N, C-alpha and C. Protein backbone atom coordinates (compact mmCIF):
# COMPACT_ATOMS: atom_id res chain seq x y z
N MET A 1 1.65 21.50 19.35
CA MET A 1 1.42 20.09 19.07
C MET A 1 0.33 19.61 20.01
N GLY A 2 -0.74 19.04 19.47
CA GLY A 2 -1.86 18.58 20.28
C GLY A 2 -1.58 17.24 20.93
N SER A 3 -2.43 16.89 21.89
CA SER A 3 -2.23 15.64 22.60
C SER A 3 -2.96 14.48 21.94
N HIS A 4 -3.73 14.76 20.91
CA HIS A 4 -4.43 13.70 20.17
C HIS A 4 -4.81 14.24 18.80
N PRO A 5 -5.13 13.34 17.87
CA PRO A 5 -5.47 13.80 16.51
C PRO A 5 -6.66 14.75 16.52
N GLY A 6 -6.60 15.73 15.64
CA GLY A 6 -7.69 16.68 15.52
C GLY A 6 -8.90 16.06 14.83
N ALA A 7 -10.08 16.55 15.18
CA ALA A 7 -11.32 16.02 14.60
C ALA A 7 -11.38 16.28 13.10
N ASP A 8 -10.68 17.29 12.62
CA ASP A 8 -10.70 17.62 11.20
C ASP A 8 -9.56 16.96 10.42
N TRP A 9 -8.78 16.11 11.06
CA TRP A 9 -7.69 15.43 10.39
C TRP A 9 -8.24 14.30 9.53
N THR A 10 -7.56 14.01 8.43
CA THR A 10 -7.96 12.90 7.56
C THR A 10 -7.63 11.58 8.26
N PRO A 11 -8.23 10.48 7.81
CA PRO A 11 -7.86 9.18 8.39
C PRO A 11 -6.36 8.88 8.27
N LEU A 12 -5.72 9.30 7.19
CA LEU A 12 -4.29 9.06 7.03
C LEU A 12 -3.49 9.88 8.05
N GLN A 13 -3.87 11.13 8.24
CA GLN A 13 -3.19 11.96 9.24
C GLN A 13 -3.37 11.38 10.64
N GLN A 14 -4.58 10.92 10.93
CA GLN A 14 -4.84 10.31 12.25
C GLN A 14 -4.01 9.04 12.42
N ALA A 15 -3.94 8.20 11.38
CA ALA A 15 -3.18 6.96 11.45
C ALA A 15 -1.70 7.24 11.69
N ALA A 16 -1.15 8.24 11.00
CA ALA A 16 0.26 8.58 11.18
C ALA A 16 0.52 9.04 12.61
N TRP A 17 -0.33 9.92 13.11
CA TRP A 17 -0.16 10.43 14.47
C TRP A 17 -0.24 9.29 15.48
N LEU A 18 -1.22 8.41 15.32
CA LEU A 18 -1.40 7.30 16.26
C LEU A 18 -0.24 6.31 16.18
N THR A 19 0.26 6.04 14.97
CA THR A 19 1.39 5.12 14.82
C THR A 19 2.59 5.62 15.62
N VAL A 20 2.87 6.90 15.53
CA VAL A 20 4.00 7.48 16.25
C VAL A 20 3.74 7.53 17.75
N HIS A 21 2.61 8.06 18.13
CA HIS A 21 2.38 8.32 19.55
C HIS A 21 1.95 7.10 20.36
N GLU A 22 1.54 6.03 19.69
CA GLU A 22 1.21 4.80 20.39
C GLU A 22 2.34 3.77 20.31
N PHE A 23 3.45 4.14 19.68
CA PHE A 23 4.59 3.24 19.57
C PHE A 23 5.15 2.95 20.95
N ARG A 24 5.43 1.68 21.21
CA ARG A 24 5.97 1.26 22.50
C ARG A 24 7.39 0.75 22.32
N GLY A 25 8.29 1.28 23.12
CA GLY A 25 9.66 0.79 23.11
C GLY A 25 9.71 -0.61 23.70
N HIS A 26 10.85 -1.25 23.59
CA HIS A 26 11.00 -2.62 24.06
C HIS A 26 11.65 -2.63 25.44
N GLY A 27 11.04 -3.33 26.35
CA GLY A 27 11.60 -3.50 27.68
C GLY A 27 11.09 -2.48 28.67
N PRO A 28 11.19 -2.81 29.94
CA PRO A 28 10.71 -1.91 30.99
C PRO A 28 11.58 -0.66 31.07
N GLY A 29 10.95 0.45 31.31
CA GLY A 29 11.67 1.70 31.46
C GLY A 29 12.11 2.35 30.18
N THR A 30 11.78 1.74 29.04
CA THR A 30 12.18 2.35 27.77
C THR A 30 11.16 3.40 27.36
N PRO A 31 11.59 4.38 26.61
CA PRO A 31 10.64 5.42 26.19
C PRO A 31 9.59 4.85 25.24
N SER A 32 8.51 5.59 25.08
CA SER A 32 7.47 5.22 24.13
C SER A 32 7.18 6.42 23.23
N GLY A 33 6.31 6.20 22.26
CA GLY A 33 5.91 7.27 21.36
C GLY A 33 7.06 7.78 20.51
N ALA A 34 7.04 9.08 20.24
CA ALA A 34 8.05 9.70 19.38
C ALA A 34 9.45 9.54 19.96
N ARG A 35 9.58 9.53 21.29
CA ARG A 35 10.91 9.36 21.90
C ARG A 35 11.49 7.98 21.58
N ALA A 36 10.65 6.96 21.59
CA ALA A 36 11.12 5.61 21.28
C ALA A 36 11.51 5.51 19.80
N LEU A 37 10.70 6.09 18.92
CA LEU A 37 11.05 6.09 17.50
C LEU A 37 12.31 6.90 17.25
N ALA A 38 12.49 7.99 17.99
CA ALA A 38 13.69 8.80 17.85
C ALA A 38 14.93 7.97 18.18
N ALA A 39 14.84 7.20 19.26
CA ALA A 39 15.97 6.36 19.65
C ALA A 39 16.28 5.32 18.58
N ALA A 40 15.24 4.82 17.91
CA ALA A 40 15.42 3.78 16.89
C ALA A 40 15.87 4.34 15.54
N THR A 41 15.60 5.61 15.28
CA THR A 41 15.88 6.17 13.96
C THR A 41 17.00 7.20 13.93
N GLY A 42 17.38 7.73 15.08
CA GLY A 42 18.40 8.77 15.12
C GLY A 42 17.86 10.16 14.85
N LYS A 43 16.55 10.27 14.69
CA LYS A 43 15.92 11.59 14.52
C LYS A 43 15.52 12.11 15.89
N SER A 44 15.21 13.39 15.98
CA SER A 44 14.74 13.91 17.27
C SER A 44 13.26 13.62 17.43
N ALA A 45 12.84 13.45 18.68
CA ALA A 45 11.43 13.19 18.99
C ALA A 45 10.56 14.34 18.51
N GLY A 46 11.06 15.56 18.64
CA GLY A 46 10.30 16.73 18.20
C GLY A 46 10.06 16.72 16.70
N THR A 47 11.08 16.35 15.94
CA THR A 47 10.94 16.28 14.48
C THR A 47 9.90 15.23 14.11
N ILE A 48 9.99 14.06 14.73
CA ILE A 48 9.04 12.99 14.43
C ILE A 48 7.62 13.42 14.78
N SER A 49 7.44 14.03 15.94
CA SER A 49 6.11 14.50 16.34
C SER A 49 5.58 15.54 15.36
N ASN A 50 6.45 16.43 14.94
CA ASN A 50 6.03 17.47 14.00
C ASN A 50 5.67 16.90 12.63
N GLU A 51 6.39 15.84 12.21
CA GLU A 51 6.11 15.23 10.91
C GLU A 51 4.68 14.67 10.84
N VAL A 52 4.16 14.19 11.95
CA VAL A 52 2.83 13.56 11.94
C VAL A 52 1.74 14.50 12.45
N ASN A 53 2.08 15.76 12.60
CA ASN A 53 1.10 16.76 13.04
C ASN A 53 0.79 17.67 11.87
N PRO A 54 -0.38 17.50 11.23
CA PRO A 54 -0.69 18.32 10.05
C PRO A 54 -0.86 19.81 10.38
N ASP A 55 -0.96 20.15 11.65
CA ASP A 55 -1.05 21.55 12.03
C ASP A 55 0.31 22.24 11.99
N VAL A 56 1.39 21.46 11.90
CA VAL A 56 2.74 22.00 11.78
C VAL A 56 3.10 21.98 10.30
N LEU A 57 3.20 23.15 9.72
CA LEU A 57 3.40 23.26 8.27
C LEU A 57 4.87 23.16 7.86
N THR A 58 5.80 23.20 8.81
CA THR A 58 7.22 23.19 8.47
C THR A 58 7.80 21.78 8.35
N HIS A 59 7.04 20.76 8.72
CA HIS A 59 7.51 19.38 8.66
C HIS A 59 6.48 18.52 7.93
N LYS A 60 6.96 17.61 7.11
CA LYS A 60 6.08 16.67 6.40
C LYS A 60 6.65 15.26 6.52
N LEU A 61 5.79 14.30 6.71
CA LEU A 61 6.20 12.91 6.79
C LEU A 61 6.38 12.36 5.38
N GLY A 62 7.57 11.89 5.07
CA GLY A 62 7.86 11.32 3.76
C GLY A 62 7.53 9.84 3.72
N LEU A 63 7.45 9.30 2.51
CA LEU A 63 7.12 7.88 2.35
C LEU A 63 8.16 6.96 2.98
N GLU A 64 9.43 7.30 2.83
CA GLU A 64 10.49 6.46 3.40
C GLU A 64 10.37 6.39 4.92
N ASP A 65 10.17 7.55 5.55
CA ASP A 65 10.03 7.56 7.01
C ASP A 65 8.73 6.89 7.45
N ALA A 66 7.65 7.10 6.71
CA ALA A 66 6.38 6.45 7.05
C ALA A 66 6.54 4.93 7.01
N THR A 67 7.26 4.44 6.01
CA THR A 67 7.50 3.01 5.89
C THR A 67 8.36 2.52 7.04
N LEU A 68 9.41 3.26 7.37
CA LEU A 68 10.28 2.88 8.47
C LEU A 68 9.51 2.83 9.79
N TYR A 69 8.69 3.83 10.06
CA TYR A 69 7.91 3.86 11.31
C TYR A 69 6.97 2.65 11.38
N GLN A 70 6.39 2.27 10.25
CA GLN A 70 5.50 1.11 10.23
C GLN A 70 6.27 -0.19 10.44
N LEU A 71 7.45 -0.29 9.84
CA LEU A 71 8.28 -1.49 10.04
C LEU A 71 8.71 -1.62 11.49
N LEU A 72 9.12 -0.52 12.10
CA LEU A 72 9.58 -0.55 13.49
C LEU A 72 8.43 -0.84 14.46
N SER A 73 7.27 -0.29 14.17
CA SER A 73 6.13 -0.40 15.10
C SER A 73 5.26 -1.62 14.84
N HIS A 74 5.40 -2.23 13.67
CA HIS A 74 4.49 -3.31 13.24
C HIS A 74 3.04 -2.81 13.23
N ASP A 75 2.87 -1.54 12.98
CA ASP A 75 1.56 -0.88 12.96
C ASP A 75 1.34 -0.39 11.54
N HIS A 76 0.37 -0.96 10.86
CA HIS A 76 0.16 -0.66 9.44
C HIS A 76 -1.08 0.21 9.21
N ARG A 77 -1.48 0.97 10.19
CA ARG A 77 -2.65 1.83 10.01
C ARG A 77 -2.44 2.86 8.91
N MET A 78 -1.24 3.38 8.78
CA MET A 78 -0.99 4.35 7.70
C MET A 78 -1.19 3.69 6.34
N LEU A 79 -0.66 2.50 6.18
CA LEU A 79 -0.81 1.78 4.91
C LEU A 79 -2.28 1.55 4.59
N HIS A 80 -3.04 1.09 5.58
CA HIS A 80 -4.46 0.80 5.34
C HIS A 80 -5.26 2.09 5.11
N ALA A 81 -4.92 3.16 5.81
CA ALA A 81 -5.61 4.44 5.60
C ALA A 81 -5.32 4.98 4.20
N GLN A 82 -4.07 4.85 3.76
CA GLN A 82 -3.73 5.30 2.41
C GLN A 82 -4.45 4.46 1.37
N ALA A 83 -4.47 3.14 1.57
CA ALA A 83 -5.17 2.26 0.63
C ALA A 83 -6.65 2.61 0.57
N ALA A 84 -7.27 2.82 1.71
CA ALA A 84 -8.70 3.16 1.73
C ALA A 84 -8.95 4.48 1.01
N THR A 85 -8.07 5.45 1.20
CA THR A 85 -8.21 6.74 0.51
C THR A 85 -8.16 6.56 -1.00
N LEU A 86 -7.36 5.60 -1.46
CA LEU A 86 -7.20 5.33 -2.89
C LEU A 86 -8.17 4.27 -3.40
N HIS A 87 -9.11 3.86 -2.55
CA HIS A 87 -10.09 2.81 -2.89
C HIS A 87 -9.39 1.50 -3.25
N GLU A 88 -8.40 1.17 -2.44
CA GLU A 88 -7.63 -0.07 -2.60
C GLU A 88 -7.70 -0.84 -1.29
N VAL A 89 -7.17 -2.05 -1.29
CA VAL A 89 -7.07 -2.83 -0.06
C VAL A 89 -5.66 -3.37 0.08
N CYS A 90 -5.29 -3.74 1.29
CA CYS A 90 -3.99 -4.34 1.57
C CYS A 90 -4.21 -5.77 2.03
N VAL A 91 -3.36 -6.65 1.58
CA VAL A 91 -3.45 -8.05 1.96
C VAL A 91 -2.10 -8.45 2.55
N PRO A 92 -2.07 -8.82 3.84
CA PRO A 92 -0.79 -9.24 4.42
C PRO A 92 -0.31 -10.57 3.84
N LEU A 93 0.97 -10.66 3.60
CA LEU A 93 1.56 -11.88 3.05
C LEU A 93 2.65 -12.40 3.98
N PRO A 94 2.65 -13.69 4.24
CA PRO A 94 3.74 -14.28 5.03
C PRO A 94 5.03 -14.33 4.22
N ASP A 95 6.11 -14.63 4.88
CA ASP A 95 7.41 -14.80 4.20
C ASP A 95 7.46 -16.19 3.59
N PHE A 96 7.60 -16.25 2.27
CA PHE A 96 7.66 -17.52 1.57
C PHE A 96 9.01 -17.72 0.90
N SER A 97 10.06 -17.26 1.54
CA SER A 97 11.37 -17.35 0.90
C SER A 97 11.81 -18.79 0.69
N ARG A 98 11.33 -19.72 1.51
CA ARG A 98 11.65 -21.15 1.32
C ARG A 98 10.33 -21.88 1.11
N VAL A 99 10.05 -22.21 -0.13
CA VAL A 99 8.77 -22.80 -0.49
C VAL A 99 8.98 -24.16 -1.14
N SER A 100 8.25 -25.15 -0.66
CA SER A 100 8.33 -26.48 -1.27
C SER A 100 7.19 -26.64 -2.28
N ASP A 101 7.30 -27.67 -3.11
CA ASP A 101 6.23 -27.96 -4.08
C ASP A 101 4.92 -28.25 -3.37
N VAL A 102 4.98 -28.97 -2.27
CA VAL A 102 3.76 -29.30 -1.52
C VAL A 102 3.11 -28.03 -0.98
N GLU A 103 3.92 -27.12 -0.46
CA GLU A 103 3.37 -25.85 0.05
C GLU A 103 2.72 -25.05 -1.08
N LEU A 104 3.34 -25.06 -2.24
CA LEU A 104 2.78 -24.34 -3.38
C LEU A 104 1.44 -24.96 -3.79
N LEU A 105 1.38 -26.27 -3.88
CA LEU A 105 0.13 -26.94 -4.25
C LEU A 105 -0.94 -26.74 -3.18
N THR A 106 -0.54 -26.73 -1.93
CA THR A 106 -1.49 -26.49 -0.84
C THR A 106 -2.04 -25.07 -0.94
N ALA A 107 -1.18 -24.10 -1.23
CA ALA A 107 -1.63 -22.72 -1.38
C ALA A 107 -2.61 -22.60 -2.54
N TYR A 108 -2.33 -23.29 -3.63
CA TYR A 108 -3.22 -23.28 -4.79
C TYR A 108 -4.58 -23.89 -4.42
N ALA A 109 -4.55 -25.03 -3.74
CA ALA A 109 -5.80 -25.70 -3.34
C ALA A 109 -6.60 -24.84 -2.37
N ASP A 110 -5.91 -24.18 -1.43
CA ASP A 110 -6.60 -23.28 -0.49
C ASP A 110 -7.29 -22.15 -1.24
N TRP A 111 -6.59 -21.56 -2.20
CA TRP A 111 -7.16 -20.48 -2.99
C TRP A 111 -8.42 -20.96 -3.71
N GLN A 112 -8.32 -22.10 -4.37
CA GLN A 112 -9.47 -22.62 -5.11
C GLN A 112 -10.63 -22.98 -4.17
N ALA A 113 -10.34 -23.52 -3.00
CA ALA A 113 -11.39 -23.86 -2.03
C ALA A 113 -12.12 -22.60 -1.59
N PHE A 114 -11.39 -21.52 -1.36
CA PHE A 114 -12.04 -20.28 -0.93
C PHE A 114 -12.86 -19.66 -2.06
N ILE A 115 -12.44 -19.83 -3.32
CA ILE A 115 -13.27 -19.37 -4.44
C ILE A 115 -14.59 -20.13 -4.42
N GLY A 116 -14.54 -21.43 -4.20
CA GLY A 116 -15.76 -22.23 -4.13
C GLY A 116 -16.68 -21.78 -3.00
N GLN A 117 -16.10 -21.45 -1.86
CA GLN A 117 -16.92 -20.98 -0.73
C GLN A 117 -17.57 -19.64 -1.05
N THR A 118 -16.84 -18.78 -1.75
CA THR A 118 -17.41 -17.49 -2.15
C THR A 118 -18.58 -17.70 -3.11
N CYS A 119 -18.39 -18.57 -4.10
CA CYS A 119 -19.47 -18.87 -5.05
C CYS A 119 -20.67 -19.48 -4.34
N GLY A 120 -20.43 -20.34 -3.38
CA GLY A 120 -21.53 -20.93 -2.61
C GLY A 120 -22.30 -19.88 -1.83
N ALA A 121 -21.60 -18.91 -1.26
CA ALA A 121 -22.26 -17.84 -0.52
C ALA A 121 -23.13 -16.99 -1.46
N VAL A 122 -22.64 -16.73 -2.68
CA VAL A 122 -23.43 -15.98 -3.67
C VAL A 122 -24.67 -16.79 -4.05
N ARG A 123 -24.48 -18.07 -4.33
CA ARG A 123 -25.62 -18.94 -4.69
C ARG A 123 -26.66 -18.94 -3.58
N ASP A 124 -26.22 -19.12 -2.34
CA ASP A 124 -27.15 -19.16 -1.21
C ASP A 124 -27.89 -17.83 -1.05
N ALA A 125 -27.18 -16.73 -1.25
CA ALA A 125 -27.81 -15.41 -1.10
C ALA A 125 -28.88 -15.17 -2.16
N LEU A 126 -28.66 -15.68 -3.36
CA LEU A 126 -29.60 -15.46 -4.45
C LEU A 126 -30.75 -16.48 -4.48
N ALA A 127 -30.69 -17.48 -3.65
CA ALA A 127 -31.68 -18.57 -3.68
C ALA A 127 -33.11 -18.07 -3.50
N ASP A 128 -33.29 -17.04 -2.68
CA ASP A 128 -34.66 -16.52 -2.44
C ASP A 128 -34.95 -15.27 -3.29
N HIS A 129 -34.09 -15.00 -4.26
CA HIS A 129 -34.26 -13.88 -5.21
C HIS A 129 -34.24 -12.51 -4.54
N ARG A 130 -33.56 -12.40 -3.41
CA ARG A 130 -33.36 -11.10 -2.75
C ARG A 130 -32.05 -11.16 -1.99
N ILE A 131 -31.47 -10.00 -1.76
CA ILE A 131 -30.19 -9.91 -1.06
C ILE A 131 -30.40 -9.14 0.23
N GLU A 132 -29.89 -9.70 1.31
CA GLU A 132 -29.96 -9.04 2.62
C GLU A 132 -28.55 -8.63 3.03
N ARG A 133 -28.47 -7.64 3.91
CA ARG A 133 -27.18 -7.08 4.33
C ARG A 133 -26.25 -8.16 4.88
N HIS A 134 -26.76 -9.06 5.72
CA HIS A 134 -25.90 -10.10 6.30
C HIS A 134 -25.35 -11.02 5.21
N GLU A 135 -26.09 -11.20 4.11
CA GLU A 135 -25.62 -12.03 3.01
C GLU A 135 -24.47 -11.34 2.27
N VAL A 136 -24.61 -10.04 2.09
CA VAL A 136 -23.53 -9.27 1.44
C VAL A 136 -22.27 -9.34 2.30
N GLU A 137 -22.43 -9.22 3.61
CA GLU A 137 -21.27 -9.29 4.50
C GLU A 137 -20.61 -10.67 4.44
N GLU A 138 -21.43 -11.72 4.36
CA GLU A 138 -20.90 -13.09 4.24
C GLU A 138 -20.10 -13.24 2.94
N ILE A 139 -20.65 -12.72 1.85
CA ILE A 139 -19.95 -12.78 0.55
C ILE A 139 -18.65 -11.98 0.62
N ARG A 140 -18.71 -10.81 1.23
CA ARG A 140 -17.51 -9.97 1.36
C ARG A 140 -16.43 -10.69 2.16
N GLN A 141 -16.80 -11.29 3.28
CA GLN A 141 -15.82 -12.00 4.11
C GLN A 141 -15.20 -13.16 3.34
N ARG A 142 -16.01 -13.93 2.66
CA ARG A 142 -15.49 -15.06 1.90
C ARG A 142 -14.64 -14.58 0.72
N GLY A 143 -15.09 -13.52 0.06
CA GLY A 143 -14.32 -12.96 -1.05
C GLY A 143 -12.97 -12.43 -0.60
N ASN A 144 -12.94 -11.76 0.54
CA ASN A 144 -11.67 -11.26 1.07
C ASN A 144 -10.71 -12.41 1.36
N LYS A 145 -11.24 -13.51 1.89
CA LYS A 145 -10.39 -14.67 2.18
C LYS A 145 -9.86 -15.28 0.89
N HIS A 146 -10.71 -15.36 -0.14
CA HIS A 146 -10.20 -15.98 -1.37
C HIS A 146 -9.18 -15.08 -2.06
N VAL A 147 -9.36 -13.76 -1.97
CA VAL A 147 -8.37 -12.84 -2.54
C VAL A 147 -7.05 -12.96 -1.78
N GLN A 148 -7.13 -13.05 -0.46
CA GLN A 148 -5.91 -13.19 0.33
C GLN A 148 -5.19 -14.49 -0.03
N ARG A 149 -5.93 -15.58 -0.20
CA ARG A 149 -5.31 -16.85 -0.58
C ARG A 149 -4.66 -16.77 -1.96
N PHE A 150 -5.28 -16.00 -2.88
CA PHE A 150 -4.68 -15.81 -4.19
C PHE A 150 -3.32 -15.13 -4.06
N PHE A 151 -3.25 -14.06 -3.28
CA PHE A 151 -1.99 -13.34 -3.13
C PHE A 151 -0.96 -14.18 -2.38
N GLU A 152 -1.39 -15.01 -1.45
CA GLU A 152 -0.46 -15.93 -0.80
C GLU A 152 0.10 -16.91 -1.83
N PHE A 153 -0.78 -17.43 -2.68
CA PHE A 153 -0.34 -18.35 -3.73
C PHE A 153 0.68 -17.67 -4.64
N MET A 154 0.37 -16.45 -5.08
CA MET A 154 1.28 -15.73 -5.98
C MET A 154 2.62 -15.45 -5.31
N SER A 155 2.59 -15.11 -4.03
CA SER A 155 3.83 -14.85 -3.30
C SER A 155 4.68 -16.12 -3.22
N ARG A 156 4.02 -17.25 -2.97
CA ARG A 156 4.75 -18.52 -2.94
C ARG A 156 5.30 -18.85 -4.32
N LEU A 157 4.52 -18.61 -5.35
CA LEU A 157 4.96 -18.89 -6.71
C LEU A 157 6.16 -18.02 -7.07
N GLU A 158 6.12 -16.74 -6.72
CA GLU A 158 7.22 -15.83 -7.00
C GLU A 158 8.48 -16.24 -6.27
N ALA A 159 8.33 -16.85 -5.08
CA ALA A 159 9.51 -17.29 -4.33
C ALA A 159 10.24 -18.41 -5.06
N LEU A 160 9.59 -19.05 -6.01
CA LEU A 160 10.21 -20.14 -6.76
C LEU A 160 10.94 -19.67 -8.02
N ILE A 161 10.83 -18.40 -8.35
CA ILE A 161 11.48 -17.90 -9.57
C ILE A 161 12.97 -18.17 -9.50
N ASP A 162 13.50 -18.75 -10.55
CA ASP A 162 14.91 -19.10 -10.61
C ASP A 162 15.59 -18.11 -11.54
N GLU A 163 16.29 -17.16 -10.93
CA GLU A 163 16.95 -16.13 -11.75
C GLU A 163 18.43 -16.29 -11.72
């Protein structure tokens, strides 16, 4: 077992290894890394270390354990690395289990405002009939914000479903 991710490891393999080995236990004197996760999960530290080491062929990290390690560590690098590998993105969502009508309307207005800002950035970038790298980055940043606001709105809307 190496002391750091191998140069030939994929981003997902590196993210898994770092999530485990950079995990910090709670409180002074508590273990960190695989030992801390072992204490939280009931698995052995050696098993956890082997699961995130692609050079060890006898152990594999499963989706359930990967999710558990991310929940315990609040480290979502594995999720983002997997999404990037699949040409997808992840958008964090707050807990909207208690949503009022005003909050829902505010979320909708925020989403629409960010769409307008994205359109304005596109308009401004095209004004001189050429696109520069910083303009693309501005559009990307604004677009990411409006997409995030959309998913926040949808999450709030779903919290209102009456089943």
